[in-house]
Every structure is written in C-alpha cells, then in structure tokens.
Protein backbone atom coordinates (compact mmCIF):
# COMPACT_ATOMS: atom_id res chain seq x y z
CA MET A 1 170.39 113.95 177.44
CA LYS A 2 168.26 114.66 180.13
CA GLU A 3 166.44 111.55 182.04
CA GLU A 4 163.07 112.73 181.36
CA GLU A 5 164.21 113.43 177.89
CA TYR A 6 165.56 109.87 177.41
CA LYS A 7 162.32 108.49 178.98
CA LYS A 8 160.01 110.60 176.22
CA ARG A 9 162.32 109.54 173.26
CA PHE A 10 162.00 106.01 174.53
CA MET A 11 158.61 105.60 175.26
CA SER A 12 157.76 107.57 172.08
CA GLY A 13 159.40 104.61 169.94
CA PHE A 14 158.30 102.08 171.89
CA VAL A 15 154.60 102.87 171.63
CA ASN A 16 155.27 103.75 167.63
CA ASP A 17 156.47 100.38 167.49
CA TYR A 18 154.64 98.08 169.19
CA PHE A 19 151.06 99.59 169.61
CA GLU A 20 150.76 101.64 166.61
CA ASN A 21 151.38 105.04 167.93
CA SER A 22 148.60 104.74 170.59
CA TYR A 23 149.05 105.55 174.41
CA LYS A 24 145.63 103.84 174.63
CA GLU A 25 146.28 100.80 173.27
CA LEU A 26 149.37 100.85 175.85
CA VAL A 27 147.19 101.29 178.98
CA ALA A 28 144.52 98.49 177.57
CA PHE A 29 147.41 96.13 176.74
CA PHE A 30 148.53 96.20 180.61
CA ALA A 31 145.07 96.34 181.51
CA LYS A 32 144.07 93.44 179.85
CA ASP A 33 147.02 91.55 181.01
CA LYS A 34 145.87 92.73 184.28
CA LYS A 35 149.20 94.74 185.03
CA ILE A 36 147.48 98.01 186.26
CA SER A 37 143.92 98.24 188.66
CA ALA A 38 140.68 100.20 188.02
CA SER A 39 142.33 102.35 190.71
CA GLU A 40 145.60 102.95 189.42
CA LEU A 41 143.35 103.63 185.86
CA LYS A 42 141.25 106.31 188.29
CA GLU A 43 144.71 107.97 189.50
CA ILE A 44 145.99 108.07 185.71
CA ILE A 45 142.66 110.19 184.93
CA ASN A 46 142.95 112.71 187.71
CA LEU A 47 146.67 113.56 186.70
CA ILE A 48 145.90 114.13 183.41
CA GLU A 49 142.25 115.98 184.25
CA LYS A 50 144.70 117.96 187.41
CA PRO A 51 148.48 117.82 186.17
CA LYS A 52 150.30 119.50 189.03
CA SER A 53 151.38 122.21 188.47
C-alpha cells in the first residue's frame, strides 16, 4: 500500500472514531486547543479553494 493511501485510510478511521466523522470537528478541536493558528487555518482555506493541480 502506498503511503498516501495509508494516510487516507488512517485519517478516515481516526476522524470517524474520534470526531463523529467530521473533519470540521477535528479542525475545531485543534483550534480550541491552540494547536493551529488563525493564519494556518487561512492557509488551509486557500488550499481548499485553490488546490494545486
């Protein structure tokens, strides 16, 4: 199994088990715990809105 496929499967299971299958809840958890900054969240939004091909 390629590393990328392993990451996808692991994260999918992790988010399902601990965050009610919500990536939004995962990000909110890290934001509330100060593990991710507002500027990092903006970078993530940019990646989502303008993905690299």
